[in-house]
N, C-alpha and C. Protein backbone atom coordinates (compact mmCIF):
# COMPACT_ATOMS: atom_id res chain seq x y z
N UNK A 1 79.84 150.70 76.72
CA UNK A 1 80.61 150.02 77.76
C UNK A 1 81.62 150.97 78.43
N UNK A 2 82.08 151.95 77.68
CA UNK A 2 83.03 152.90 78.27
C UNK A 2 82.40 153.64 79.43
N UNK A 3 81.08 153.96 79.29
CA UNK A 3 80.38 154.64 80.38
C UNK A 3 80.42 153.80 81.65
N UNK A 4 80.27 152.48 81.49
CA UNK A 4 80.30 151.60 82.65
C UNK A 4 81.70 151.57 83.28
N UNK A 5 82.70 151.52 82.43
CA UNK A 5 84.08 151.53 82.94
C UNK A 5 84.38 152.83 83.67
N UNK A 6 83.91 153.93 83.12
CA UNK A 6 84.10 155.22 83.77
C UNK A 6 83.39 155.24 85.12
N UNK A 7 82.21 154.62 85.16
CA UNK A 7 81.46 154.55 86.41
C UNK A 7 82.18 153.75 87.47
N UNK A 8 82.78 152.63 87.07
CA UNK A 8 83.55 151.82 88.01
C UNK A 8 84.73 152.62 88.56
N UNK A 9 85.39 153.33 87.68
CA UNK A 9 86.54 154.14 88.12
C UNK A 9 86.09 155.21 89.10
N UNK A 10 84.95 155.84 88.83
CA UNK A 10 84.44 156.88 89.73
C UNK A 10 84.02 156.28 91.07
N UNK A 11 83.43 155.07 91.03
CA UNK A 11 83.05 154.38 92.26
C UNK A 11 84.27 154.12 93.13
N UNK A 12 85.32 153.60 92.50
CA UNK A 12 86.54 153.28 93.26
C UNK A 12 87.20 154.55 93.81
N UNK A 13 87.07 155.63 93.06
CA UNK A 13 87.76 156.87 93.43
C UNK A 13 86.96 157.70 94.43
N UNK A 14 85.63 157.78 94.25
CA UNK A 14 84.83 158.73 95.02
C UNK A 14 83.87 158.10 96.01
N UNK A 15 83.33 156.93 95.68
CA UNK A 15 82.28 156.34 96.52
C UNK A 15 82.85 155.34 97.51
N UNK A 16 83.66 154.41 97.01
CA UNK A 16 84.17 153.32 97.86
C UNK A 16 84.92 153.82 99.09
N UNK A 17 85.81 154.79 98.96
CA UNK A 17 86.58 155.22 100.15
C UNK A 17 85.68 155.68 101.29
N UNK A 18 84.57 156.32 100.97
CA UNK A 18 83.68 156.82 102.03
C UNK A 18 82.92 155.70 102.72
N UNK A 19 82.82 154.54 102.06
CA UNK A 19 82.10 153.41 102.62
C UNK A 19 83.02 152.20 102.83
N UNK A 20 84.29 152.44 102.91
CA UNK A 20 85.26 151.35 103.02
C UNK A 20 84.99 150.48 104.25
N UNK A 21 84.62 151.09 105.35
CA UNK A 21 84.34 150.33 106.57
C UNK A 21 83.13 149.42 106.38
N UNK A 22 82.09 149.94 105.73
CA UNK A 22 80.89 149.15 105.45
C UNK A 22 81.24 147.96 104.57
N UNK A 23 81.98 148.19 103.50
CA UNK A 23 82.32 147.09 102.60
C UNK A 23 83.23 146.06 103.27
N UNK A 24 84.10 146.51 104.16
CA UNK A 24 84.96 145.57 104.89
C UNK A 24 84.10 144.65 105.76
N UNK A 25 83.05 145.21 106.36
CA UNK A 25 82.14 144.40 107.17
C UNK A 25 81.32 143.45 106.29
N UNK A 26 80.86 143.95 105.15
CA UNK A 26 80.05 143.13 104.24
C UNK A 26 80.86 142.01 103.60
N UNK A 27 82.16 142.17 103.52
CA UNK A 27 83.00 141.14 102.90
C UNK A 27 82.87 139.80 103.63
N UNK A 28 82.51 139.85 104.91
CA UNK A 28 82.37 138.61 105.66
C UNK A 28 80.98 138.37 106.21
N UNK A 29 80.03 139.25 105.87
CA UNK A 29 78.67 139.14 106.41
C UNK A 29 77.65 139.46 105.34
N UNK A 30 76.64 138.59 105.23
CA UNK A 30 75.55 138.84 104.29
C UNK A 30 74.23 138.56 105.01
N UNK A 31 73.61 139.61 105.59
CA UNK A 31 72.38 139.45 106.35
C UNK A 31 71.35 140.50 105.95
N UNK A 32 70.88 140.47 104.71
CA UNK A 32 69.85 141.43 104.32
C UNK A 32 68.57 141.18 105.11
N UNK A 33 67.80 142.23 105.30
CA UNK A 33 66.56 142.10 106.06
C UNK A 33 65.33 141.93 105.18
N UNK A 34 65.45 142.33 103.91
CA UNK A 34 64.28 142.35 103.03
C UNK A 34 64.61 141.76 101.67
N UNK A 35 63.71 140.94 101.16
CA UNK A 35 63.76 140.49 99.77
C UNK A 35 62.89 141.44 98.97
N UNK A 36 63.47 142.09 97.99
CA UNK A 36 62.76 143.04 97.15
C UNK A 36 62.60 142.41 95.77
N UNK A 37 61.35 142.14 95.38
CA UNK A 37 61.06 141.57 94.06
C UNK A 37 60.47 142.66 93.19
N UNK A 38 61.26 143.09 92.21
CA UNK A 38 60.82 144.19 91.37
C UNK A 38 60.94 143.85 89.90
N UNK A 39 60.59 144.83 89.09
CA UNK A 39 60.64 144.66 87.64
C UNK A 39 62.07 144.90 87.14
N UNK A 40 62.40 144.28 86.02
CA UNK A 40 63.73 144.45 85.43
C UNK A 40 63.90 145.82 84.77
N UNK A 41 62.83 146.59 84.68
CA UNK A 41 62.85 147.91 84.06
C UNK A 41 63.99 148.75 84.62
N UNK A 42 64.80 149.32 83.73
CA UNK A 42 65.99 150.07 84.15
C UNK A 42 65.65 151.33 84.92
N UNK A 43 64.40 151.77 84.84
CA UNK A 43 64.01 153.00 85.55
C UNK A 43 63.66 152.75 87.01
N UNK A 44 63.59 151.50 87.39
CA UNK A 44 63.18 151.13 88.75
C UNK A 44 64.40 150.57 89.48
N UNK A 45 64.96 151.34 90.39
CA UNK A 45 66.19 150.97 91.09
C UNK A 45 65.86 150.81 92.58
N UNK A 46 65.72 149.57 93.06
CA UNK A 46 65.27 149.35 94.44
C UNK A 46 66.07 150.09 95.49
N UNK A 47 67.40 150.04 95.40
CA UNK A 47 68.22 150.68 96.41
C UNK A 47 68.05 152.20 96.41
N UNK A 48 67.80 152.78 95.24
CA UNK A 48 67.60 154.22 95.15
C UNK A 48 66.24 154.60 95.73
N UNK A 49 65.21 153.86 95.35
CA UNK A 49 63.85 154.15 95.81
C UNK A 49 63.76 154.05 97.33
N UNK A 50 64.37 153.02 97.90
CA UNK A 50 64.27 152.78 99.34
C UNK A 50 65.41 153.42 100.14
N UNK A 51 66.36 154.01 99.43
CA UNK A 51 67.54 154.60 100.08
C UNK A 51 68.22 153.59 100.99
N UNK A 52 68.40 152.40 100.46
CA UNK A 52 69.04 151.32 101.21
C UNK A 52 70.54 151.29 100.95
N UNK A 53 71.27 150.89 101.97
CA UNK A 53 72.72 150.72 101.86
C UNK A 53 73.03 149.34 101.28
N UNK A 54 74.23 149.15 100.73
CA UNK A 54 74.63 147.82 100.29
C UNK A 54 74.47 146.82 101.44
N UNK A 55 73.95 145.65 101.11
CA UNK A 55 73.78 144.61 102.11
C UNK A 55 72.41 144.56 102.75
N UNK A 56 71.57 145.57 102.52
CA UNK A 56 70.27 145.62 103.19
C UNK A 56 69.17 144.92 102.41
N UNK A 57 69.27 144.91 101.08
CA UNK A 57 68.24 144.30 100.25
C UNK A 57 68.79 143.09 99.50
N UNK A 58 68.00 142.03 99.45
CA UNK A 58 68.28 140.91 98.55
C UNK A 58 67.30 141.10 97.39
N UNK A 59 67.82 141.33 96.20
CA UNK A 59 66.97 141.80 95.09
C UNK A 59 66.80 140.73 94.02
N UNK A 60 65.55 140.52 93.63
CA UNK A 60 65.20 139.68 92.49
C UNK A 60 64.42 140.56 91.52
N UNK A 61 64.87 140.61 90.27
CA UNK A 61 64.18 141.42 89.27
C UNK A 61 63.79 140.55 88.10
N UNK A 62 62.53 140.64 87.74
CA UNK A 62 62.01 139.88 86.60
C UNK A 62 61.15 140.79 85.74
N UNK A 63 60.97 140.45 84.49
CA UNK A 63 60.08 141.22 83.62
C UNK A 63 58.68 141.21 84.20
N UNK A 64 58.14 142.39 84.48
CA UNK A 64 56.79 142.50 85.01
C UNK A 64 56.69 142.16 86.49
N UNK A 65 57.83 142.12 87.21
CA UNK A 65 57.89 141.70 88.62
C UNK A 65 57.01 140.47 88.87
N UNK A 66 57.13 139.49 87.97
CA UNK A 66 56.33 138.27 88.06
C UNK A 66 57.01 137.24 88.94
N UNK A 67 56.20 136.56 89.74
CA UNK A 67 56.65 135.49 90.63
C UNK A 67 55.84 134.24 90.31
N UNK A 68 56.41 133.28 89.60
CA UNK A 68 55.64 132.06 89.30
C UNK A 68 55.20 131.36 90.59
N UNK A 69 53.99 130.85 90.57
CA UNK A 69 53.55 130.03 91.70
C UNK A 69 54.51 128.85 91.85
N UNK A 70 54.64 128.36 93.06
CA UNK A 70 55.61 127.29 93.32
C UNK A 70 55.29 126.04 92.51
N UNK A 71 56.34 125.45 91.96
CA UNK A 71 56.26 124.16 91.27
C UNK A 71 57.59 123.46 91.46
N UNK A 72 57.58 122.16 91.66
CA UNK A 72 58.84 121.43 91.83
C UNK A 72 59.73 121.58 90.58
N UNK A 73 61.01 121.48 90.80
CA UNK A 73 61.95 121.58 89.67
C UNK A 73 62.79 122.82 89.78
N UNK A 74 63.92 122.84 89.06
CA UNK A 74 64.83 123.98 89.12
C UNK A 74 64.22 125.24 88.52
N UNK A 75 64.34 126.32 89.24
CA UNK A 75 63.80 127.61 88.78
C UNK A 75 64.57 128.71 89.51
N UNK A 76 65.09 129.65 88.77
CA UNK A 76 65.93 130.68 89.37
C UNK A 76 65.19 131.57 90.35
N UNK A 77 63.95 131.93 90.03
CA UNK A 77 63.18 132.80 90.92
C UNK A 77 62.87 132.05 92.22
N UNK A 78 62.41 130.81 92.08
CA UNK A 78 62.09 129.99 93.26
C UNK A 78 63.31 129.81 94.15
N UNK A 79 64.45 129.51 93.53
CA UNK A 79 65.69 129.31 94.31
C UNK A 79 66.08 130.57 95.05
N UNK A 80 65.92 131.72 94.41
CA UNK A 80 66.29 132.98 95.05
C UNK A 80 65.38 133.28 96.24
N UNK A 81 64.08 133.02 96.07
CA UNK A 81 63.13 133.23 97.17
C UNK A 81 63.47 132.31 98.33
N UNK A 82 63.69 131.04 98.03
CA UNK A 82 63.99 130.06 99.07
C UNK A 82 65.28 130.43 99.80
N UNK A 83 66.29 130.84 99.07
CA UNK A 83 67.56 131.21 99.69
C UNK A 83 67.39 132.42 100.61
N UNK A 84 66.65 133.42 100.12
CA UNK A 84 66.45 134.63 100.93
C UNK A 84 65.71 134.32 102.22
N UNK A 85 64.69 133.48 102.14
CA UNK A 85 63.84 133.21 103.30
C UNK A 85 64.44 132.15 104.22
N UNK A 86 64.82 131.00 103.63
CA UNK A 86 65.24 129.86 104.44
C UNK A 86 66.69 129.93 104.89
N UNK A 87 67.54 130.58 104.11
CA UNK A 87 68.97 130.63 104.44
C UNK A 87 69.35 131.98 105.05
N UNK A 88 68.99 133.06 104.38
CA UNK A 88 69.37 134.39 104.87
C UNK A 88 68.45 134.88 105.98
N UNK A 89 67.24 134.35 106.02
CA UNK A 89 66.32 134.72 107.09
C UNK A 89 65.74 136.12 106.98
N UNK A 90 65.45 136.57 105.77
CA UNK A 90 64.83 137.89 105.63
C UNK A 90 63.51 137.90 106.40
N UNK A 91 63.13 139.05 106.90
CA UNK A 91 61.89 139.17 107.67
C UNK A 91 60.78 139.87 106.90
N UNK A 92 61.10 140.35 105.71
CA UNK A 92 60.09 141.00 104.89
C UNK A 92 60.33 140.75 103.42
N UNK A 93 59.23 140.69 102.65
CA UNK A 93 59.32 140.60 101.20
C UNK A 93 58.41 141.67 100.61
N UNK A 94 58.96 142.44 99.69
CA UNK A 94 58.20 143.45 98.97
C UNK A 94 58.11 143.03 97.50
N UNK A 95 56.89 143.00 96.96
CA UNK A 95 56.70 142.85 95.53
C UNK A 95 56.33 144.23 95.01
N UNK A 96 57.14 144.77 94.11
CA UNK A 96 56.98 146.15 93.67
C UNK A 96 56.71 146.25 92.17
N UNK A 97 55.52 146.71 91.83
CA UNK A 97 55.21 147.04 90.44
C UNK A 97 55.48 148.52 90.21
N UNK A 98 55.27 148.98 89.00
CA UNK A 98 55.56 150.39 88.73
C UNK A 98 54.72 150.92 87.57
N UNK A 99 54.61 152.24 87.51
CA UNK A 99 53.87 152.89 86.44
C UNK A 99 54.56 152.66 85.10
N UNK A 100 53.79 152.72 84.03
CA UNK A 100 54.32 152.59 82.67
C UNK A 100 55.11 151.30 82.47
N UNK A 101 54.71 150.24 83.14
CA UNK A 101 55.40 148.95 83.00
C UNK A 101 55.18 148.39 81.59
N UNK A 102 56.27 148.09 80.90
CA UNK A 102 56.16 147.59 79.52
C UNK A 102 55.43 146.26 79.45
N UNK A 103 55.68 145.38 80.41
CA UNK A 103 55.03 144.07 80.41
C UNK A 103 53.53 144.21 80.59
N UNK A 104 53.11 145.02 81.56
CA UNK A 104 51.69 145.20 81.82
C UNK A 104 51.01 145.98 80.69
N UNK A 105 51.74 146.91 80.09
CA UNK A 105 51.19 147.65 78.96
C UNK A 105 50.92 146.72 77.78
N UNK A 106 51.86 145.81 77.52
CA UNK A 106 51.68 144.84 76.43
C UNK A 106 50.45 143.98 76.66
N UNK A 107 50.25 143.55 77.91
CA UNK A 107 49.09 142.72 78.22
C UNK A 107 47.80 143.52 78.16
N UNK A 108 47.82 144.73 78.67
CA UNK A 108 46.62 145.56 78.68
C UNK A 108 46.18 145.93 77.28
N UNK A 109 47.14 146.13 76.39
CA UNK A 109 46.83 146.55 75.02
C UNK A 109 46.77 145.40 74.03
N UNK A 110 46.99 144.19 74.52
CA UNK A 110 46.93 143.02 73.64
C UNK A 110 47.99 143.04 72.56
N UNK A 111 49.19 143.49 72.89
CA UNK A 111 50.29 143.57 71.93
C UNK A 111 50.65 142.20 71.38
N UNK A 112 50.90 142.13 70.09
CA UNK A 112 51.32 140.89 69.45
C UNK A 112 52.77 140.61 69.83
N UNK A 113 52.98 139.52 70.57
CA UNK A 113 54.33 139.16 71.01
C UNK A 113 54.86 137.95 70.24
N UNK A 114 54.37 137.76 69.03
CA UNK A 114 54.79 136.63 68.21
C UNK A 114 56.29 136.61 67.95
N UNK A 115 56.89 137.78 67.89
CA UNK A 115 58.34 137.85 67.64
C UNK A 115 59.15 137.66 68.92
N UNK A 116 58.47 137.58 70.05
CA UNK A 116 59.16 137.39 71.33
C UNK A 116 58.44 136.28 72.10
N UNK A 117 58.54 135.04 71.61
CA UNK A 117 57.77 133.95 72.22
C UNK A 117 58.13 133.67 73.67
N UNK A 118 59.38 133.85 74.04
CA UNK A 118 59.76 133.62 75.44
C UNK A 118 59.12 134.65 76.35
N UNK A 119 59.05 135.88 75.87
CA UNK A 119 58.38 136.93 76.64
C UNK A 119 56.89 136.60 76.78
N UNK A 120 56.28 136.17 75.69
CA UNK A 120 54.86 135.82 75.73
C UNK A 120 54.60 134.69 76.73
N UNK A 121 55.46 133.69 76.72
CA UNK A 121 55.30 132.57 77.66
C UNK A 121 55.47 133.04 79.10
N UNK A 122 56.47 133.88 79.35
CA UNK A 122 56.71 134.38 80.69
C UNK A 122 55.52 135.17 81.22
N UNK A 123 54.92 135.98 80.35
CA UNK A 123 53.82 136.84 80.78
C UNK A 123 52.55 136.05 81.08
N UNK A 124 52.54 134.76 80.77
CA UNK A 124 51.39 133.93 81.15
C UNK A 124 51.24 133.88 82.68
N UNK A 125 52.31 134.19 83.39
CA UNK A 125 52.23 134.23 84.86
C UNK A 125 51.34 135.39 85.34
N UNK A 126 50.95 136.26 84.41
CA UNK A 126 50.06 137.37 84.75
C UNK A 126 48.64 137.13 84.25
N UNK A 127 48.34 135.93 83.78
CA UNK A 127 47.00 135.65 83.25
C UNK A 127 45.91 135.96 84.26
N UNK A 128 46.12 135.59 85.51
CA UNK A 128 45.10 135.85 86.55
C UNK A 128 44.91 137.34 86.75
N UNK A 129 45.98 138.09 86.66
CA UNK A 129 45.90 139.55 86.81
C UNK A 129 45.05 140.15 85.70
N UNK A 130 45.29 139.71 84.48
CA UNK A 130 44.53 140.21 83.34
C UNK A 130 43.06 139.87 83.49
N UNK A 131 42.77 138.65 83.91
CA UNK A 131 41.38 138.20 84.05
C UNK A 131 40.63 139.01 85.10
N UNK A 132 41.33 139.49 86.11
CA UNK A 132 40.66 140.21 87.19
C UNK A 132 40.65 141.72 86.99
N UNK A 133 41.22 142.19 85.91
CA UNK A 133 41.26 143.63 85.65
C UNK A 133 40.15 144.02 84.69
N UNK A 134 39.16 144.73 85.22
CA UNK A 134 37.98 145.05 84.42
C UNK A 134 38.07 146.41 83.76
N UNK A 135 38.99 147.26 84.20
CA UNK A 135 39.09 148.61 83.66
C UNK A 135 39.40 148.60 82.17
N UNK A 136 38.94 149.63 81.49
CA UNK A 136 39.25 149.81 80.08
C UNK A 136 39.85 151.20 79.88
N UNK A 137 40.39 151.43 78.68
CA UNK A 137 40.94 152.74 78.38
C UNK A 137 42.27 152.98 79.07
N UNK A 138 42.62 154.26 79.26
CA UNK A 138 43.94 154.61 79.78
C UNK A 138 44.18 154.12 81.21
N UNK A 139 43.11 153.86 81.95
CA UNK A 139 43.29 153.40 83.33
C UNK A 139 43.60 151.90 83.41
N UNK A 140 43.46 151.21 82.29
CA UNK A 140 43.62 149.76 82.36
C UNK A 140 45.05 149.35 82.74
N UNK A 141 46.04 150.05 82.22
CA UNK A 141 47.42 149.70 82.56
C UNK A 141 47.66 149.88 84.05
N UNK A 142 47.24 151.02 84.60
CA UNK A 142 47.44 151.28 86.03
C UNK A 142 46.71 150.25 86.87
N UNK A 143 45.49 149.91 86.47
CA UNK A 143 44.72 148.91 87.21
C UNK A 143 45.39 147.55 87.14
N UNK A 144 45.92 147.23 85.97
CA UNK A 144 46.58 145.94 85.80
C UNK A 144 47.88 145.88 86.61
N UNK A 145 48.61 146.97 86.67
CA UNK A 145 49.83 147.01 87.48
C UNK A 145 49.50 146.69 88.93
N UNK A 146 48.44 147.31 89.45
CA UNK A 146 48.05 147.06 90.84
C UNK A 146 47.58 145.62 91.04
N UNK A 147 46.72 145.17 90.12
CA UNK A 147 46.19 143.81 90.26
C UNK A 147 47.30 142.78 90.13
N UNK A 148 48.29 143.08 89.32
CA UNK A 148 49.40 142.16 89.14
C UNK A 148 50.23 142.02 90.42
N UNK A 149 50.41 143.11 91.13
CA UNK A 149 51.13 143.02 92.41
C UNK A 149 50.38 142.10 93.35
N UNK A 150 49.06 142.24 93.42
CA UNK A 150 48.25 141.37 94.29
C UNK A 150 48.40 139.91 93.87
N UNK A 151 48.35 139.66 92.57
CA UNK A 151 48.45 138.28 92.09
C UNK A 151 49.81 137.68 92.39
N UNK A 152 50.86 138.48 92.29
CA UNK A 152 52.20 137.95 92.56
C UNK A 152 52.41 137.71 94.05
N UNK A 153 51.76 138.51 94.89
CA UNK A 153 51.79 138.23 96.33
C UNK A 153 51.13 136.87 96.62
N UNK A 154 50.04 136.60 95.91
CA UNK A 154 49.36 135.31 96.08
C UNK A 154 50.25 134.18 95.61
N UNK A 155 50.92 134.37 94.48
CA UNK A 155 51.85 133.34 93.98
C UNK A 155 52.99 133.13 94.97
N UNK A 156 53.51 134.21 95.50
CA UNK A 156 54.62 134.14 96.45
C UNK A 156 54.23 133.30 97.67
N UNK A 157 53.00 133.44 98.10
CA UNK A 157 52.54 132.72 99.30
C UNK A 157 52.48 131.21 99.09
N UNK A 158 52.54 130.74 97.83
CA UNK A 158 52.50 129.30 97.56
C UNK A 158 53.86 128.65 97.75
N UNK A 159 54.92 129.43 97.89
CA UNK A 159 56.25 128.87 98.03
C UNK A 159 56.41 128.30 99.45
N UNK A 160 56.84 127.06 99.59
CA UNK A 160 56.93 126.43 100.92
C UNK A 160 57.74 127.22 101.93
N UNK A 161 58.87 127.76 101.53
CA UNK A 161 59.70 128.52 102.47
C UNK A 161 58.95 129.74 102.99
N UNK A 162 58.20 130.38 102.10
CA UNK A 162 57.42 131.56 102.48
C UNK A 162 56.28 131.15 103.40
N UNK A 163 55.57 130.08 103.04
CA UNK A 163 54.45 129.62 103.86
C UNK A 163 54.91 129.25 105.27
N UNK A 164 56.05 128.58 105.37
CA UNK A 164 56.55 128.19 106.69
C UNK A 164 56.91 129.41 107.54
N UNK A 165 57.58 130.37 106.93
CA UNK A 165 58.00 131.56 107.67
C UNK A 165 56.79 132.40 108.09
N UNK A 166 55.81 132.48 107.24
CA UNK A 166 54.60 133.23 107.61
C UNK A 166 53.86 132.54 108.74
N UNK A 167 53.78 131.21 108.67
CA UNK A 167 53.12 130.45 109.74
C UNK A 167 53.83 130.64 111.08
N UNK A 168 55.15 130.80 111.01
CA UNK A 168 55.93 131.01 112.22
C UNK A 168 55.90 132.46 112.70
N UNK A 169 55.31 133.32 111.90
CA UNK A 169 55.22 134.73 112.27
C UNK A 169 56.50 135.50 112.10
N UNK A 170 57.40 135.00 111.25
CA UNK A 170 58.71 135.65 111.09
C UNK A 170 58.85 136.39 109.76
N UNK A 171 57.78 136.40 108.96
CA UNK A 171 57.89 137.00 107.62
C UNK A 171 56.63 137.78 107.28
N UNK A 172 56.84 138.98 106.74
CA UNK A 172 55.74 139.85 106.32
C UNK A 172 55.84 140.10 104.83
N UNK A 173 54.70 140.04 104.11
CA UNK A 173 54.64 140.33 102.68
C UNK A 173 53.96 141.68 102.46
N UNK A 174 54.52 142.45 101.54
CA UNK A 174 53.94 143.75 101.21
C UNK A 174 53.95 143.95 99.71
N UNK A 175 52.94 144.65 99.22
CA UNK A 175 52.87 144.99 97.81
C UNK A 175 52.96 146.49 97.61
N UNK A 176 53.80 146.92 96.69
CA UNK A 176 53.98 148.33 96.40
C UNK A 176 53.79 148.59 94.91
N UNK A 177 53.39 149.84 94.61
CA UNK A 177 53.44 150.34 93.23
C UNK A 177 54.18 151.67 93.25
N UNK A 178 55.23 151.73 92.47
CA UNK A 178 56.09 152.92 92.40
C UNK A 178 55.73 153.74 91.17
N UNK A 179 55.51 155.04 91.36
CA UNK A 179 55.19 155.93 90.25
C UNK A 179 56.46 156.66 89.81
N UNK A 180 56.89 156.39 88.60
CA UNK A 180 58.16 156.93 88.11
C UNK A 180 58.15 158.45 88.06
N UNK A 181 57.06 159.05 87.59
CA UNK A 181 57.03 160.50 87.41
C UNK A 181 57.08 161.25 88.74
N UNK A 182 56.31 160.82 89.72
CA UNK A 182 56.22 161.55 90.99
C UNK A 182 57.19 161.06 92.05
N UNK A 183 57.68 159.82 91.90
CA UNK A 183 58.50 159.23 92.94
C UNK A 183 57.69 158.66 94.08
N UNK A 184 56.37 158.71 93.96
CA UNK A 184 55.50 158.20 95.01
C UNK A 184 55.44 156.69 95.03
N UNK A 185 55.19 156.14 96.20
CA UNK A 185 55.01 154.70 96.37
C UNK A 185 53.70 154.49 97.10
N UNK A 186 52.86 153.61 96.56
CA UNK A 186 51.58 153.27 97.19
C UNK A 186 51.59 151.81 97.58
N UNK A 187 51.06 151.52 98.74
CA UNK A 187 50.98 150.14 99.19
C UNK A 187 49.69 149.52 98.67
N UNK A 188 49.82 148.30 98.15
CA UNK A 188 48.68 147.59 97.59
C UNK A 188 48.43 146.36 98.43
N UNK A 189 47.25 146.28 99.02
CA UNK A 189 46.92 145.13 99.84
C UNK A 189 46.63 143.91 98.99
N UNK A 190 46.83 142.72 99.54
CA UNK A 190 46.63 141.49 98.77
C UNK A 190 45.17 141.14 98.52
N UNK A 191 44.24 141.73 99.31
CA UNK A 191 42.85 141.33 99.18
C UNK A 191 41.96 142.49 98.80
N UNK A 192 42.04 143.59 99.56
CA UNK A 192 41.15 144.71 99.32
C UNK A 192 41.75 145.68 98.33
N UNK A 193 40.97 146.69 97.96
CA UNK A 193 41.44 147.71 97.03
C UNK A 193 42.05 148.90 97.75
N UNK A 194 42.16 148.82 99.08
CA UNK A 194 42.70 149.94 99.83
C UNK A 194 44.17 150.12 99.49
N UNK A 195 44.56 151.39 99.29
CA UNK A 195 45.95 151.72 99.05
C UNK A 195 46.41 152.74 100.08
N UNK A 196 47.48 152.46 100.77
CA UNK A 196 48.00 153.38 101.78
C UNK A 196 49.23 154.07 101.23
N UNK A 197 49.22 155.41 101.31
CA UNK A 197 50.35 156.17 100.79
C UNK A 197 51.58 155.98 101.66
N UNK A 198 52.73 155.76 101.03
CA UNK A 198 53.99 155.67 101.75
C UNK A 198 54.79 156.95 101.64
N UNK A 199 54.37 157.82 100.72
CA UNK A 199 55.04 159.11 100.54
C UNK A 199 53.95 160.15 100.37
N UNK A 200 54.27 161.45 100.49
CA UNK A 200 53.24 162.49 100.36
C UNK A 200 52.51 162.43 99.02
N UNK A 201 53.20 162.06 97.95
CA UNK A 201 52.57 162.00 96.64
C UNK A 201 52.35 160.55 96.27
N UNK A 202 51.11 160.18 96.02
CA UNK A 202 50.80 158.80 95.68
C UNK A 202 50.19 158.73 94.29
N UNK A 203 50.06 157.52 93.79
CA UNK A 203 49.54 157.35 92.44
C UNK A 203 48.07 156.97 92.51
């Protein structure tokens, strides 16, 4: 915890003064342009990867970057999506998976999650991804990461706020896979296997 306190002190001393005007503007305005749905993995930092300033991204992070298909009832992920789209008016949503994802590795390798029943239940949202991933061996995790992004894009499209915005032509969905080692980002389409490189080095 001391490291965090030291970080706060350094932020106030070195970072905040240089961006004081930005923060003064953000104190009364919250208009992000993109909802970024990523994994909770500490190695994946949306603002760092995209080089975004404070206020530009509305971020939702879940284990395995999973997005449950829409269902009535209170749900934190659903509420965050609805707020970003219907209230904040974001014009883009990115679902971002990543290399060496612990959640996808557990599913690909059939890890026993008996000691973590809540995790096991949560990962059921990736059942369709697992069923559609035919690869075996070391490539299975990478294939599952990609297929999972596609599946979560499909789940995202079931949310009423998302469906309405897409029908109105005001919202775009994109799927990414971030490679931790190279820093590369590859775009994953929701239907085809085509991947378009977003950086010189892709996975």
